Amino acid sequence: MNQPTPAIVAQSAVRRLPRAALLLFCLAYVLPGFVGREPWKNADMTAFGYMAELASGASAWLNPTLLGRPPEFDALLPYWLGAWAIMAAPAWLSADLAARIPFMGLLALALSATWYAVYYLARSPQAQPVAFAFGGEANPRDYARAMADGGLLAMIACLGLAQLSHETTPALAQVAFTALAFYGLAATPWHTASAALGLVTGLAGLALSGAPAMAVLLGLGGAAVCLVASEQDAPARSRNRRWAAFIALATLAVALLAWGLDLYRWRVGLPTGAGRDWRSTGRLLLWFTWPAAPLALWTLWRWRHRLASRHVALPLWFAAVALATTLSTPSADRSLLLGLPALATLAAFALPTMQRSVAALIDWFTLLFFSGCALVIWVVWIAMQTGVPAKPAANVAKLAPGFEPTFSWPVLAVALAATLCWAWLVKWRAGRHRAAIWKSLVLPAGGAALCWLLLMTLWLPLLDFARGYLPVVGQVTRLINQPGCVEVHGLSRGHVAAFQYHGKLTLQPVSVAAACPWMIVGAGSVDALRAGLDMRQWKLLANVRRPADANDNVLVYQRTSAVVR
């Protein structure tokens, strides 16, 4: 006999994850990477540069610029949020840390919106587990909470979420507002005001964050899901039609808003390229979405007879739009990031259908992979501090010449505590706790959080040295011993922002009319500069090498003529 649903879940399997433990776990994932580090190359520093320009009044709010250059991503709201935070921050708080505060909130919003989206989708009648002949099946509310816990763990476990979700860039704002719109659509059968507010805010925020076309596609797809969702009673079908009309109108309003602000930019092209490019894309899809994507595919197979149901159709549409954008735009990883809330949702619905052998395979792979990664992080850190083992220490010295390691007892205490928590979690998972439906995602999420926290504590000084701009800016400012205005040519947006923020330099583009005593030039643009500028009035002072990247040098010149400003 065919089962009405592939989910078979007993009440004993839907105990929820302790709330205090879940909140502390999310806090331990959100804070590292935002607190204590410098802005990194390239997108992180570049976005901060636009925020600082807005906060200082050097740029127009509807047309952010950095030294006259528009942003690479045509977003407004992320730069506004960072600028407002800088303007509201007290004097003792650094501007770069102040700019990160709203982005901490955006990451928390993405996680919480995903939890609630999974919760309301799991409450759908078509998502409920099969009823037992003599009772004992999972209670709908308890089942929904347990599934939401699993969805949140699946999202945190995604390897691609860690770095991009801790940068102050439009990508984080986009994934947060995508998750919020996803929640609004998922909650429509249960709430009116909060669902409508979440949907409108999410779509508008997504459009203002540089993805208006995706906002329109997601909104239209959400309206279609409401129309095709298989509801059994007439009042529910009537409600779905009203919601579909509202969603279509809201999407139209968001489209007009983006059009009025001139936010549409056509960057989509047909996916072409050699086999190497496709292999690179395949590797990105594999590691970026692990372990949510394989579980999502399993969900589509096991729930294939209910693809039109809301709990499958809605996340499937969100994931499909993100995947299509990934294959047709240059910024593949940042486009794929927007699909993680939907993939995590689909992964959650694999849990009540997964066999014990598959769950054991996930546990063993996760245990070996993340324990190995944590061991490597610890070994390299010990080598940096003591010189033993010698080979890792030599590799660090080779890859980051000039780096001087530092030691901090609080950092060591946090890293040790996180490692002990991982050991306890492994012991708990190996014990007799087989009933919880979310058990298979505890180790993946815990391992991802552990490795991210270790990187952001033990390796943070090394990462700041290798990925930050302070080493380059420090060398340049030591050469420019009498700071005045500085002409620049061929520098990336990140370099411009770093020299303005870290070096406190007054920059202006190279021109014949300018008369600054100093000039900074990107190493790759010297030939173009010589073609348009008389270099006889300039003396090369130094070729400043980026310690961790020999291809990112800058040249410092001093004017030899007498007339300077």
Protein backbone atom coordinates (compact mmCIF):
# COMPACT_ATOMS: atom_id res chain seq x y z
CA MET A 1 0.00 0.00 0.00
CA ASN A 2 1.33 3.44 -0.90
CA GLN A 3 2.01 5.68 2.06
CA PRO A 4 0.39 9.15 1.93
CA THR A 5 3.72 10.70 2.90
CA PRO A 6 7.31 9.41 2.95
CA ALA A 7 7.90 10.79 6.46
CA ILE A 8 7.56 8.27 9.27
CA VAL A 9 8.26 10.01 12.57
CA ALA A 10 7.37 8.97 16.11
CA GLN A 11 6.74 11.42 18.91
CA SER A 12 9.97 10.31 20.60
CA ALA A 13 11.97 11.63 17.61
CA VAL A 14 10.76 15.22 17.73
CA ARG A 15 12.16 16.49 20.98
CA ARG A 16 13.52 19.92 20.31
CA LEU A 17 17.06 21.09 20.71
CA PRO A 18 17.44 22.98 24.05
CA ARG A 19 16.81 26.67 23.32
CA ALA A 20 19.71 27.94 25.43
CA ALA A 21 22.12 25.58 23.68
CA LEU A 22 20.79 26.59 20.26
CA LEU A 23 21.08 30.31 20.99
CA LEU A 24 24.61 29.97 22.38
CA PHE A 25 25.57 27.90 19.36
CA CYS A 26 24.25 30.57 16.96
CA LEU A 27 26.04 33.28 18.97
CA ALA A 28 29.30 31.35 18.77
CA TYR A 29 28.87 31.17 15.00
CA VAL A 30 27.81 34.78 14.41
CA LEU A 31 30.35 36.72 16.50
CA PRO A 32 33.68 35.22 15.30
CA GLY A 33 34.62 36.90 12.06
CA PHE A 34 32.89 40.16 12.92
CA VAL A 35 34.75 41.06 16.12
CA GLY A 36 38.47 41.65 16.40
CA ARG A 37 39.62 41.63 12.79
CA GLU A 38 40.57 44.17 10.15
CA PRO A 39 38.63 44.71 6.91
CA TRP A 40 39.88 42.15 4.41
CA LYS A 41 40.68 42.13 0.72
CA ASN A 42 38.83 42.88 -1.52
CA ALA A 43 35.05 43.07 -1.25
CA ASP A 44 35.00 43.56 2.53
CA MET A 45 37.34 46.57 2.47
CA THR A 46 35.72 47.97 -0.66
CA ALA A 47 32.22 47.93 0.82
CA PHE A 48 33.50 49.57 3.98
CA GLY A 49 35.11 52.29 1.87
CA TYR A 50 31.74 53.23 0.38
CA MET A 51 30.15 53.23 3.84
CA ALA A 52 32.87 55.54 5.17
CA GLU A 53 32.43 57.91 2.21
CA LEU A 54 28.68 58.13 2.84
CA ALA A 55 29.19 58.67 6.57
CA SER A 56 31.69 61.48 5.96
CA GLY A 57 29.43 63.23 3.46
CA ALA A 58 31.87 62.76 0.59
CA SER A 59 29.36 60.79 -1.47
CA ALA A 60 25.69 61.11 -2.43
CA TRP A 61 23.33 58.68 -0.71
CA LEU A 62 21.55 57.66 -3.90
CA ASN A 63 24.81 57.41 -5.84
CA PRO A 64 27.61 56.05 -3.62
CA THR A 65 31.09 56.62 -4.98
CA LEU A 66 34.63 55.98 -3.83
CA LEU A 67 37.05 58.50 -5.30
CA GLY A 68 34.52 59.09 -8.07
CA ARG A 69 34.08 55.38 -8.85
CA PRO A 70 30.66 53.71 -8.45
CA PRO A 71 30.43 50.42 -6.57
CA GLU A 72 30.92 47.17 -8.41
CA PHE A 73 27.57 45.96 -7.06
CA ASP A 74 24.70 48.36 -7.63
CA ALA A 75 23.38 48.22 -4.07
CA LEU A 76 22.19 50.98 -1.79
CA LEU A 77 20.80 49.59 1.46
CA PRO A 78 23.92 47.70 2.67
CA TYR A 79 26.03 50.84 2.28
CA TRP A 80 23.36 52.89 4.03
CA LEU A 81 23.25 50.49 6.98
CA GLY A 82 27.01 50.61 7.43
CA ALA A 83 27.14 54.39 7.07
CA TRP A 84 24.32 54.91 9.57
CA ALA A 85 26.11 52.65 12.04
CA ILE A 86 29.35 54.61 11.63
CA MET A 87 27.53 57.91 12.15
CA ALA A 88 25.71 56.64 15.26
CA ALA A 89 28.73 54.94 16.85
CA PRO A 90 30.45 56.50 19.87
CA ALA A 91 33.92 57.94 19.44
CA TRP A 92 35.65 55.03 21.21
CA LEU A 93 34.27 52.49 18.73
CA SER A 94 36.30 52.05 15.54
CA ALA A 95 34.48 52.79 12.31
CA ASP A 96 35.08 49.35 10.79
CA LEU A 97 33.65 47.57 13.86
CA ALA A 98 30.70 49.94 13.95
CA ALA A 99 29.95 49.19 10.29
CA ARG A 100 29.84 45.46 11.09
CA ILE A 101 27.16 45.76 13.78
CA PRO A 102 24.15 45.88 11.41
CA PHE A 103 25.66 43.00 9.44
CA MET A 104 25.78 40.90 12.59
CA GLY A 105 22.06 41.56 12.80
CA LEU A 106 21.62 40.58 9.16
CA LEU A 107 23.30 37.22 9.72
CA ALA A 108 21.16 36.63 12.80
CA LEU A 109 18.11 37.60 10.70
CA ALA A 110 19.07 35.08 8.01
CA LEU A 111 19.37 32.27 10.56
CA SER A 112 16.17 33.10 12.45
CA ALA A 113 14.12 33.64 9.28
CA THR A 114 15.28 30.27 7.97
CA TRP A 115 14.25 28.60 11.25
CA TYR A 116 10.75 30.10 11.12
CA ALA A 117 10.37 29.35 7.41
CA VAL A 118 11.12 25.67 7.99
CA TYR A 119 8.80 25.68 11.00
CA TYR A 120 5.78 26.97 9.07
CA LEU A 121 6.47 24.81 6.03
CA ALA A 122 6.65 21.76 8.30
CA ARG A 123 3.25 22.72 9.70
CA SER A 124 1.71 22.28 6.25
CA PRO A 125 -0.75 19.38 6.07
CA GLN A 126 1.14 17.85 3.11
CA ALA A 127 4.39 17.84 5.11
CA GLN A 128 3.04 15.92 8.10
CA PRO A 129 4.36 12.42 8.84
CA VAL A 130 2.19 9.37 8.32
CA ALA A 131 -0.39 8.65 11.02
CA PHE A 132 0.18 5.41 12.93
CA ALA A 133 -2.60 2.86 13.25
CA PHE A 134 -2.51 2.95 17.06
CA GLY A 135 -1.24 6.49 17.60
CA GLY A 136 2.20 7.68 18.65
CA GLU A 137 3.03 9.68 15.54
CA ALA A 138 4.69 13.06 15.98
CA ASN A 139 2.63 15.99 17.18
CA PRO A 140 2.49 18.64 14.38
CA ARG A 141 3.93 21.46 16.49
CA ASP A 142 6.71 19.34 17.96
CA TYR A 143 7.46 17.94 14.51
CA ALA A 144 7.70 21.45 13.06
CA ARG A 145 10.06 22.62 15.82
CA ALA A 146 12.34 19.63 15.38
CA MET A 147 12.39 20.12 11.61
CA ALA A 148 13.18 23.82 12.05
CA ASP A 149 16.08 22.94 14.32
CA GLY A 150 17.35 20.60 11.63
CA GLY A 151 17.01 23.28 8.95
CA LEU A 152 18.97 25.79 11.02
CA LEU A 153 21.72 23.23 11.65
CA ALA A 154 21.82 22.42 7.93
CA MET A 155 22.32 26.07 7.04
CA ILE A 156 25.13 26.59 9.56
CA ALA A 157 26.77 23.39 8.32
CA CYS A 158 27.05 24.72 4.76
CA LEU A 159 30.75 25.36 4.18
CA GLY A 160 30.17 28.29 1.84
CA LEU A 161 28.25 30.29 4.42
CA ALA A 162 31.16 30.92 6.80
CA GLN A 163 33.29 33.56 5.11
CA LEU A 164 30.77 35.40 2.94
CA SER A 165 28.26 35.69 5.78
CA HIS A 166 30.85 37.45 7.96
CA GLU A 167 31.78 40.17 5.47
CA THR A 168 30.20 43.62 5.36
CA THR A 169 29.14 43.28 1.74
CA PRO A 170 25.86 43.39 -0.18
CA ALA A 171 26.00 39.57 -0.42
CA LEU A 172 25.17 39.17 3.28
CA ALA A 173 22.32 41.66 3.00
CA GLN A 174 20.98 39.76 0.00
CA VAL A 175 20.94 36.39 1.77
CA ALA A 176 19.30 37.94 4.85
CA PHE A 177 16.51 39.56 2.84
CA THR A 178 16.10 36.42 0.73
CA ALA A 179 15.57 34.42 3.93
CA LEU A 180 13.11 37.05 5.17
CA ALA A 181 11.08 36.91 1.95
CA PHE A 182 11.23 33.11 2.15
CA TYR A 183 9.80 33.26 5.66
CA GLY A 184 7.03 35.63 4.53
CA LEU A 185 5.92 33.23 1.81
CA ALA A 186 6.18 30.20 4.10
CA ALA A 187 4.08 31.80 6.84
CA THR A 188 1.17 32.94 4.65
CA PRO A 189 -1.20 30.11 5.73
CA TRP A 190 -0.64 30.91 9.40
CA HIS A 191 -0.15 34.67 9.73
CA THR A 192 -1.26 37.73 7.84
CA ALA A 193 0.49 40.84 9.16
CA SER A 194 3.91 39.31 9.95
CA ALA A 195 3.95 37.28 6.74
CA ALA A 196 3.08 40.32 4.61
CA LEU A 197 5.63 42.47 6.44
CA GLY A 198 8.34 39.85 6.04
CA LEU A 199 7.57 39.37 2.36
CA VAL A 200 7.49 43.07 1.44
CA THR A 201 10.54 43.92 3.54
CA GLY A 202 12.45 40.96 2.16
CA LEU A 203 11.71 41.69 -1.50
CA ALA A 204 12.33 45.42 -1.13
CA GLY A 205 15.53 44.84 0.85
CA LEU A 206 16.74 42.34 -1.75
CA ALA A 207 16.12 44.85 -4.54
CA LEU A 208 17.88 47.65 -2.64
CA SER A 209 20.78 45.29 -1.91
CA GLY A 210 21.64 44.86 -5.57
CA ALA A 211 19.44 41.95 -6.70
CA PRO A 212 16.19 43.47 -8.04
CA ALA A 213 15.78 40.86 -10.78
CA MET A 214 16.05 38.05 -8.25
CA ALA A 215 13.50 39.80 -6.04
CA VAL A 216 11.04 39.90 -8.94
CA LEU A 217 11.64 36.26 -9.85
CA LEU A 218 11.27 35.08 -6.27
CA GLY A 219 8.10 37.11 -5.80
CA LEU A 220 6.47 35.83 -9.00
CA GLY A 221 7.47 32.27 -8.14
CA GLY A 222 6.00 32.66 -4.66
CA ALA A 223 2.72 33.83 -6.15
CA ALA A 224 2.68 30.82 -8.46
CA VAL A 225 3.33 28.46 -5.54
CA CYS A 226 0.33 29.92 -3.73
CA LEU A 227 -1.85 29.25 -6.76
CA VAL A 228 -0.72 25.67 -7.37
CA ALA A 229 -0.44 24.61 -3.73
CA SER A 230 -2.74 21.63 -3.25
CA GLU A 231 -5.21 22.60 -0.54
CA GLN A 232 -8.08 20.32 0.37
CA ASP A 233 -10.75 22.83 1.41
CA ALA A 234 -12.29 25.71 -0.48
CA PRO A 235 -11.51 28.43 2.12
CA ALA A 236 -7.79 27.56 1.92
CA ARG A 237 -7.83 27.73 -1.87
CA SER A 238 -9.57 31.10 -1.72
CA ARG A 239 -7.02 32.38 0.76
CA ASN A 240 -4.21 31.22 -1.50
CA ARG A 241 -5.67 33.16 -4.43
CA ARG A 242 -5.83 36.32 -2.33
CA TRP A 243 -2.25 35.84 -1.21
CA ALA A 244 -1.13 35.26 -4.79
CA ALA A 245 -2.69 38.57 -5.83
CA PHE A 246 -1.06 40.39 -2.91
CA ILE A 247 2.35 38.87 -3.66
CA ALA A 248 2.07 39.84 -7.33
CA LEU A 249 1.21 43.43 -6.40
CA ALA A 250 4.04 43.61 -3.88
CA THR A 251 6.47 42.26 -6.49
CA LEU A 252 5.27 44.85 -8.99
CA ALA A 253 5.80 47.62 -6.42
CA VAL A 254 9.33 46.39 -5.69
CA ALA A 255 10.08 46.22 -9.43
CA LEU A 256 8.93 49.81 -9.88
CA LEU A 257 11.00 50.92 -6.87
CA ALA A 258 14.13 49.35 -8.34
CA TRP A 259 13.35 50.88 -11.74
CA GLY A 260 12.90 54.33 -10.23
CA LEU A 261 16.24 54.08 -8.43
CA ASP A 262 17.96 52.73 -11.58
CA LEU A 263 19.13 49.55 -9.84
CA TYR A 264 18.76 47.19 -12.79
CA ARG A 265 22.00 46.10 -14.40
CA TRP A 266 22.14 43.32 -16.98
CA ARG A 267 24.96 40.94 -16.02
CA VAL A 268 23.37 37.68 -17.07
CA GLY A 269 24.83 35.65 -19.91
CA LEU A 270 24.44 32.13 -21.21
CA PRO A 271 26.64 29.69 -19.28
CA THR A 272 29.59 29.04 -21.56
CA GLY A 273 33.21 28.06 -21.10
CA ALA A 274 35.66 25.23 -21.35
CA GLY A 275 35.45 22.00 -19.43
CA ARG A 276 37.77 23.44 -16.80
CA ASP A 277 35.22 26.13 -16.02
CA TRP A 278 32.46 23.60 -15.63
CA ARG A 279 34.65 21.51 -13.36
CA SER A 280 35.32 24.58 -11.27
CA THR A 281 31.61 25.28 -11.07
CA GLY A 282 30.96 21.69 -10.09
CA ARG A 283 33.53 21.89 -7.30
CA LEU A 284 31.95 25.13 -6.09
CA LEU A 285 28.50 23.55 -6.01
CA LEU A 286 29.86 20.55 -4.11
CA TRP A 287 31.86 22.18 -1.33
CA PHE A 288 29.88 25.41 -1.02
CA THR A 289 26.55 23.69 -0.38
CA TRP A 290 27.81 20.66 1.55
CA PRO A 291 25.98 18.92 3.25
CA ALA A 292 22.68 20.61 2.41
CA ALA A 293 22.71 19.96 -1.35
CA PRO A 294 22.98 16.13 -1.22
CA LEU A 295 20.22 16.01 1.38
CA ALA A 296 18.12 18.37 -0.75
CA LEU A 297 18.44 16.00 -3.72
CA TRP A 298 17.35 13.14 -1.48
CA THR A 299 14.32 15.20 -0.43
CA LEU A 300 13.31 15.79 -4.03
CA TRP A 301 13.49 12.06 -4.70
CA ARG A 302 11.59 10.92 -1.62
CA TRP A 303 8.95 13.66 -1.91
CA ARG A 304 8.76 13.45 -5.72
CA HIS A 305 5.03 12.71 -5.61
CA ARG A 306 4.43 15.95 -3.68
CA LEU A 307 6.55 18.43 -5.62
CA ALA A 308 3.57 20.79 -5.92
CA SER A 309 3.18 20.94 -2.13
CA ARG A 310 4.16 24.20 -0.51
CA HIS A 311 6.95 22.72 1.64
CA VAL A 312 8.75 21.36 -1.47
CA ALA A 313 7.74 23.77 -4.23
CA LEU A 314 8.66 26.98 -2.40
CA PRO A 315 12.25 26.10 -1.40
CA LEU A 316 12.74 24.36 -4.74
CA TRP A 317 11.90 27.58 -6.58
CA PHE A 318 14.22 29.68 -4.40
CA ALA A 319 17.05 27.18 -4.86
CA ALA A 320 16.47 26.96 -8.63
CA VAL A 321 16.61 30.75 -9.05
CA ALA A 322 19.86 30.92 -7.07
CA LEU A 323 21.37 28.06 -9.06
CA ALA A 324 20.39 29.63 -12.40
CA THR A 325 21.94 32.92 -11.28
CA THR A 326 25.08 31.09 -10.21
CA LEU A 327 25.49 29.55 -13.65
CA SER A 328 24.88 32.79 -15.53
CA THR A 329 26.66 35.54 -13.57
CA PRO A 330 30.33 36.21 -12.82
CA SER A 331 30.00 36.23 -9.01
CA ALA A 332 29.02 32.57 -8.74
CA ASP A 333 29.74 32.08 -5.04
CA ARG A 334 27.82 35.17 -3.94
CA SER A 335 24.85 34.18 -6.11
CA LEU A 336 24.89 30.64 -4.73
CA LEU A 337 24.86 32.05 -1.21
CA LEU A 338 21.27 33.19 -1.76
CA GLY A 339 20.15 29.59 -2.24
CA LEU A 340 21.42 28.32 1.10
CA PRO A 341 18.23 29.03 3.13
CA ALA A 342 16.16 27.10 0.59
CA LEU A 343 18.68 24.25 0.34
CA ALA A 344 18.79 24.00 4.13
CA THR A 345 15.00 23.77 4.15
CA LEU A 346 14.99 20.98 1.60
CA ALA A 347 17.74 19.25 3.57
CA ALA A 348 15.57 19.36 6.69
CA PHE A 349 12.78 17.47 4.92
CA ALA A 350 15.24 14.69 4.12
CA LEU A 351 15.64 13.93 7.83
CA PRO A 352 12.34 12.05 8.40
CA THR A 353 12.99 9.88 5.33
CA MET A 354 16.68 9.11 5.80
CA GLN A 355 17.91 5.61 6.49
CA ARG A 356 20.12 4.88 9.50
CA SER A 357 23.03 3.78 7.33
CA VAL A 358 23.06 7.12 5.48
CA ALA A 359 22.96 9.02 8.78
CA ALA A 360 25.90 6.95 10.06
CA LEU A 361 27.87 7.71 6.89
CA ILE A 362 27.30 11.44 7.35
CA ASP A 363 28.39 11.20 10.98
CA TRP A 364 31.60 9.35 10.22
CA PHE A 365 32.57 11.58 7.33
CA THR A 366 31.85 14.70 9.35
CA LEU A 367 33.74 13.43 12.38
CA LEU A 368 36.85 12.62 10.35
CA PHE A 369 36.73 15.75 8.18
CA PHE A 370 36.21 18.40 10.85
CA SER A 371 38.39 16.68 13.44
CA GLY A 372 41.16 16.62 10.83
CA CYS A 373 40.62 20.29 9.98
CA ALA A 374 40.68 21.27 13.66
CA LEU A 375 43.87 19.26 14.17
CA VAL A 376 45.56 21.04 11.26
CA ILE A 377 44.56 24.44 12.65
CA TRP A 378 45.97 23.57 16.08
CA VAL A 379 49.20 22.10 14.67
CA VAL A 380 49.89 25.16 12.51
CA TRP A 381 49.15 27.48 15.44
CA ILE A 382 51.55 25.55 17.69
CA ALA A 383 54.15 25.69 14.93
CA MET A 384 53.73 29.47 14.64
CA GLN A 385 54.18 29.87 18.40
CA THR A 386 57.04 27.41 18.99
CA GLY A 387 58.59 26.58 15.61
CA VAL A 388 57.70 22.91 16.11
CA PRO A 389 56.80 21.09 13.90
CA ALA A 390 59.30 22.80 11.66
CA LYS A 391 57.62 22.25 8.30
CA PRO A 392 54.33 24.08 9.08
CA ALA A 393 56.32 26.94 10.61
CA ALA A 394 58.47 27.15 7.47
CA ASN A 395 55.37 27.14 5.26
CA VAL A 396 53.87 30.05 7.21
CA ALA A 397 57.13 32.00 6.95
CA LYS A 398 57.23 31.35 3.20
CA LEU A 399 53.61 32.26 2.51
CA ALA A 400 53.50 35.28 4.82
CA PRO A 401 57.02 36.73 4.98
CA GLY A 402 57.44 39.24 7.76
CA PHE A 403 54.58 37.91 9.89
CA GLU A 404 55.27 37.92 13.63
CA PRO A 405 52.92 35.65 15.62
CA THR A 406 51.34 36.91 18.82
CA PHE A 407 50.03 35.04 21.84
CA SER A 408 46.84 35.74 23.78
CA TRP A 409 45.57 33.79 26.78
CA PRO A 410 41.89 34.74 26.20
CA VAL A 411 42.12 33.58 22.59
CA LEU A 412 43.67 30.30 23.67
CA ALA A 413 40.96 29.82 26.31
CA VAL A 414 38.18 30.33 23.77
CA ALA A 415 39.79 27.94 21.28
CA LEU A 416 40.30 25.28 23.96
CA ALA A 417 36.70 25.64 25.15
CA ALA A 418 35.41 25.24 21.59
CA THR A 419 37.55 22.14 21.06
CA LEU A 420 36.34 20.57 24.30
CA CYS A 421 32.74 21.30 23.26
CA TRP A 422 33.40 19.48 20.01
CA ALA A 423 34.76 16.47 21.90
CA TRP A 424 31.69 16.48 24.13
CA LEU A 425 29.42 16.74 21.09
CA VAL A 426 31.11 13.76 19.46
CA LYS A 427 30.70 11.79 22.67
CA TRP A 428 27.02 12.78 22.87
CA ARG A 429 26.40 11.76 19.27
CA ALA A 430 28.09 8.41 19.82
CA GLY A 431 25.90 7.75 22.86
CA ARG A 432 22.34 6.54 23.02
CA HIS A 433 20.66 9.58 21.54
CA ARG A 434 19.38 8.09 18.30
CA ALA A 435 15.81 9.34 18.56
CA ALA A 436 16.15 13.06 17.78
CA ILE A 437 15.29 13.71 14.14
CA TRP A 438 17.92 16.45 13.82
CA LYS A 439 20.73 14.26 15.19
CA SER A 440 22.39 13.73 11.78
CA LEU A 441 23.08 17.44 11.36
CA VAL A 442 24.54 18.09 14.81
CA LEU A 443 28.08 17.06 13.89
CA PRO A 444 28.14 18.86 10.50
CA ALA A 445 26.93 22.12 12.05
CA GLY A 446 29.13 21.75 15.12
CA GLY A 447 32.19 20.93 13.05
CA ALA A 448 31.67 23.91 10.72
CA ALA A 449 31.21 26.24 13.69
CA LEU A 450 34.27 24.79 15.45
CA CYS A 451 36.62 25.24 12.50
CA TRP A 452 35.34 28.75 11.79
CA LEU A 453 35.81 29.74 15.44
CA LEU A 454 39.32 28.27 15.54
CA LEU A 455 40.27 30.14 12.36
CA MET A 456 38.90 33.39 13.78
CA THR A 457 40.82 32.99 17.04
CA LEU A 458 44.06 31.03 16.58
CA TRP A 459 44.71 32.10 13.01
CA LEU A 460 43.23 35.60 13.13
CA PRO A 461 46.55 37.50 13.35
CA LEU A 462 47.89 35.52 10.39
CA LEU A 463 44.72 36.08 8.37
CA ASP A 464 44.74 39.81 9.17
CA PHE A 465 48.35 39.98 7.99
CA ALA A 466 47.72 37.98 4.82
CA ARG A 467 44.31 39.34 3.85
CA GLY A 468 44.33 42.80 5.41
CA TYR A 469 45.80 45.99 4.00
CA LEU A 470 47.67 47.25 7.08
CA PRO A 471 51.09 45.82 6.08
CA VAL A 472 50.99 47.59 2.69
CA VAL A 473 49.53 50.81 4.08
CA GLY A 474 52.12 50.84 6.87
CA GLN A 475 55.01 50.57 4.41
CA VAL A 476 53.60 53.30 2.18
CA THR A 477 52.90 55.76 5.01
CA ARG A 478 56.45 55.30 6.31
CA LEU A 479 57.73 56.35 2.89
CA ILE A 480 55.39 59.34 2.73
CA ASN A 481 56.90 61.10 5.73
CA GLN A 482 55.20 64.43 4.98
CA PRO A 483 51.60 63.52 4.17
CA GLY A 484 49.78 65.81 1.81
CA CYS A 485 47.52 65.04 -1.07
CA VAL A 486 48.38 61.84 -2.92
CA GLU A 487 47.61 61.09 -6.54
CA VAL A 488 46.59 57.52 -7.34
CA HIS A 489 46.35 55.51 -10.54
CA GLY A 490 45.41 51.91 -11.22
CA LEU A 491 44.53 51.05 -7.62
CA SER A 492 41.68 48.73 -6.78
CA ARG A 493 38.73 50.04 -4.81
CA GLY A 494 39.99 48.09 -1.82
CA HIS A 495 43.38 49.80 -1.98
CA VAL A 496 41.75 53.22 -2.22
CA ALA A 497 39.55 52.52 0.82
CA ALA A 498 42.50 51.16 2.80
CA PHE A 499 44.76 54.12 2.10
CA GLN A 500 41.99 56.52 3.06
CA TYR A 501 40.98 54.67 6.24
CA HIS A 502 44.18 53.14 7.58
CA GLY A 503 46.64 55.67 6.12
CA LYS A 504 44.50 58.81 6.56
CA LEU A 505 45.70 59.93 3.13
CA THR A 506 43.92 62.49 0.98
CA LEU A 507 43.64 60.80 -2.41
CA GLN A 508 42.76 62.15 -5.83
CA PRO A 509 43.01 60.65 -9.32
CA VAL A 510 46.10 61.38 -11.38
CA SER A 511 45.66 64.34 -13.73
CA VAL A 512 47.83 66.86 -15.53
CA ALA A 513 46.38 69.68 -13.43
CA ALA A 514 47.12 67.97 -10.09
CA ALA A 515 50.25 68.93 -8.17
CA CYS A 516 50.44 66.49 -5.27
CA PRO A 517 53.90 65.64 -3.87
CA TRP A 518 53.22 61.89 -3.88
CA MET A 519 51.75 59.31 -6.21
CA ILE A 520 50.73 55.68 -5.65
CA VAL A 521 50.36 53.47 -8.69
CA GLY A 522 49.18 49.90 -9.11
CA ALA A 523 52.05 47.80 -10.45
CA GLY A 524 50.01 46.52 -13.37
CA SER A 525 49.05 49.97 -14.67
CA VAL A 526 52.46 51.63 -15.05
CA ASP A 527 52.55 51.35 -18.85
CA ALA A 528 49.13 52.98 -19.19
CA LEU A 529 50.22 55.77 -16.84
CA ARG A 530 53.39 56.48 -18.84
CA ALA A 531 51.36 56.81 -22.01
CA GLY A 532 49.36 59.73 -20.60
CA LEU A 533 51.65 61.39 -18.04
CA ASP A 534 55.13 62.93 -18.13
CA MET A 535 57.03 60.67 -15.74
CA ARG A 536 60.19 62.83 -15.80
CA GLN A 537 58.79 64.85 -12.89
CA TRP A 538 58.41 61.75 -10.74
CA LYS A 539 61.00 59.65 -8.89
CA LEU A 540 60.26 56.06 -7.95
CA LEU A 541 60.77 55.61 -4.21
CA ALA A 542 59.81 51.97 -3.71
CA ASN A 543 57.96 48.97 -5.03
CA VAL A 544 55.86 48.02 -2.01
CA ARG A 545 55.13 44.32 -2.03
CA ARG A 546 52.07 42.83 -0.44
CA PRO A 547 53.51 40.19 1.94
CA ALA A 548 51.16 37.38 0.97
CA ASP A 549 50.59 38.28 -2.71
CA ALA A 550 53.45 39.23 -5.02
CA ASN A 551 50.97 40.17 -7.77
CA ASP A 552 49.39 42.94 -5.69
CA ASN A 553 52.27 45.41 -5.47
CA VAL A 554 51.99 49.20 -5.48
CA LEU A 555 54.61 51.72 -6.61
CA VAL A 556 55.27 54.89 -4.61
CA TYR A 557 56.53 57.99 -6.46
CA GLN A 558 57.68 61.39 -5.22
CA ARG A 559 57.37 64.51 -7.34
CA THR A 560 60.73 66.01 -8.26
CA SER A 561 59.43 69.37 -9.56
CA ALA A 562 59.35 72.30 -7.16
CA VAL A 563 55.67 73.21 -7.50
CA VAL A 564 53.61 71.09 -5.13
CA ARG A 565 50.55 71.65 -2.99
